[in-house]
Amino acid sequence: MRELQGPPSRLMRAARRIPLPWLLIGSSAAAGFAVAGGLQLLDQSAVRLVSQLREPLQASLSSSLGHAVEFGPYRGLRPWGFAVGPSEARSTAQDPSSLQLDELQVRFNPMASLRQWRPVVELHLQGLEARLHRQDDGRFWRFGTPSASAEPLPDMDLRFVFPSPARVELVTTGERLLLDSRGSVQLRQARFAGVGRLRWADRKGGVQVDVDGRWAQPELALTTRLDDLDLSRLVPLIPLPQGLAVSGTARGDLGVQWRAGELKCHGALRLNQLELRGGPLPQSLQSSEVGFDCLQDRLVVRPSAFRSGSWRARTAGVVRLNRSLDLRVDLSADGTKDRLTLALDGPWSNPRWLVDGRLSVPQWPEPLQLKGAFRTPWLDPERRFIQVTDARLEAPGLRVQLAGRLGRNSDLRSRELSLSAPLWQSQPALKRILGEAAPLTGQLRLTGPFIAPDLTLELQQGRNLLLQDWRLRAGWSLSEGRLALDRFESPLLQASAELPLNWREGAVQLGDLQAEFALQPFPLARLSSLMGMPVTGHLSASGR
C-alpha cells in the first residue's frame, strides 16, 4: 500500500503488474455500469416525457382527426427513441370508422438533422389497421376542426413510415386493401411530401401515388401510376350515383400540378373495355378504348367511340387547362335519321355549349329539330347556373324559343310559343275543337329552384269554333304540389280550378279537385260537328 501511494511512476509500475484479463474485465464492468446507468436515466426521462406529452398530443390529434385518440402504454427505449403500445382513433356516433395501431415508435434521426440543420423526427407506425365505413355523402372519414393557435409551428421535419403494409378494410363492401406509405411534413415550412401504393389483398393491380405540396400557399403536385387496374375495384372508393357499376381496366401515368392558381399535367391514361351500367343509365354505356394525353396545360381527348343501346357516339377534343375548351360529341341512332351534335368551347371559367340535331319522339308525327346555346359559369359557387342564351324546339305545328337561366333562382321564359293545325292534324277530336284557322300563342315561364320549379303557362287563340276567342293562365308548383287553372276566359265561359298534384316514388299523386265555372247562353248548334249529329238550343250553367 505504501508503494501505491508513491509517485506516478510507481503507480504505473504497479498497474503493469495487474494481469491483463483482470484489467479488461474491470474496464468492461465499469463501462457496463455506466451505460446501464445512462440507459436507466434515459428511460426515466422518456417515461416523464411521454407522460407530459400524452394528454396535449391526444387532445390535439383528436381535434384534428375528429375521433378520440388514445396512445398505448410506454414500451421502453428504441434506437434513438422510444415506443408506445397499442393505440387507436375510436369511432364516433357520427362516423363509425376507426384506426388501430400495434406500436408507435418515435425516433430522432441525428444524421438527417445535421444535413437539414433542423430536428428530424421519425414516426414508425407498426401494424396499422383501418376499418372504414362509407357514409351517405361518399366520405370514409369525418375530420375535425383543429383549434387555432397563435404559437408558430416548430421548425421540425416530421417523417412517417409504415414498416409493414397497413391493412385497410372497407366495411360496407368487404374490400380489403394493403397500403405501403412513407412521407414527411415540414411544419414550419408548411410543406408535405409522400409516396404510397395501394393494392388489393386478393387480386393483382394497384395504384401508386406520389404527392408533394404546401398548405400555407396552396400548391400540389400529384403523380398517379396505374398498372392494369380493374376499374370495378375503384367503385367502393369513388362516390358514384347509387346502383352505377363500372368495369374495364386502366393503365398509365398521369401527373397533375397545381401552383399559383394554375393547373398543369403530364402523362397519359388509357381505359380499356370500359362499361358503365345501372344507376341512372337506362342502358349500359360501352367503349373499347378511351384515351387521354396531357402535356403542360394541354389535355387531349383522343377520338373514342361509345355505344349505348341503339345509340352511337364519337368524342374528341382538346382542353387547355385554366384557359379554354374545345370538345365535340356526335350522336346517332341505328336505323333512324336521329342525329345530335354537342359542342363545348370557349373560356375555361364560362364555357359555351352548342346543341344541334333532330330527334324522333313517340306519338309525334315528325322529328323535333333542336338547337341551343348555353353557358355555364362554374368557378364561382355563387354563380353556378346555366345561362340559356337561345334554345329552339321546332316541328310541324310547333315553335318554341326559350332564354333565361336555370339554377337556384331560375328564370326561364319563352320568347316564342306557337302551336298550329299540323300539330293536331292526326287527332280528330282536337282538330274539331281547336280548328285549323287560328294558331295558339302564348308564353311559358319557369321560376324558382331548378330541382323544385314553378311552371306558368299562358295560352290564347284568336278564333275558335266553340268558344270564339279565349285565353287561359295555368301553373304548376312542384314545391307546393299544386296544379292550378288560374283563369280561363272567353265570351261564353269563365272558369278556374285547383288540383293537388305531387310526384312521389315515380308515380303521380292526385288530391281533390276544387273548381268553379260560369257558362253564358251557349248555342248548342256549335256542337253538331263535334258530336256528329244536329243539335239545337242554348245552354247556360254555373257552379262550384
Foldseek 3Di string as FASTA:
>chain_A
DVQCPDDPVSVVVVVVVPDPVVVVVVVVVVVVVVVVVVQVVVFVVQQVVCVVCQVVVQVQQCQFQVFRKHWADWDGADAQWGKHAKIKGQADPVARKIKIFGMWTKHWDVVVCVVVVATEIEIEGEAIEIEFEQDPVRDGGDTHHGDDDPDADGQYKYKYFYPAWYWYAHVVVRWIKTKGKIWIAGRNQQKIWMKMWIAGPPDDWTKIKTWIAGDVQGKIKIKIFTDFHWVQVCVSNDDDAPFKGKGWTKGKMKMWIAHPNFIFIAIKMKTAFIWIDTGPDPFIKTWGMWMWGGGTQKIWTPWTWIDTVQKIKTKTWIGRTQFKTWIKIWMDGPPDQWIKIWTWIDTPQKIKIWIWTWADDPPFPDTKTKTFIWIARDPDPVRGWIFTCWIWIDDVQWTWIKGWIAAQWTKIKTPWTKGADVRCVVPVLCCLWAPHPWIKTWMWIWTHHNVWIKIKTKIWTCQTLFQHTKIWIWIATAVQQKTWGCWIDGPFKIKIKIWRWYQDPNDIDTDDIDMWMWGHFGFCQSCCVVVVHGDGDTDTDIDD
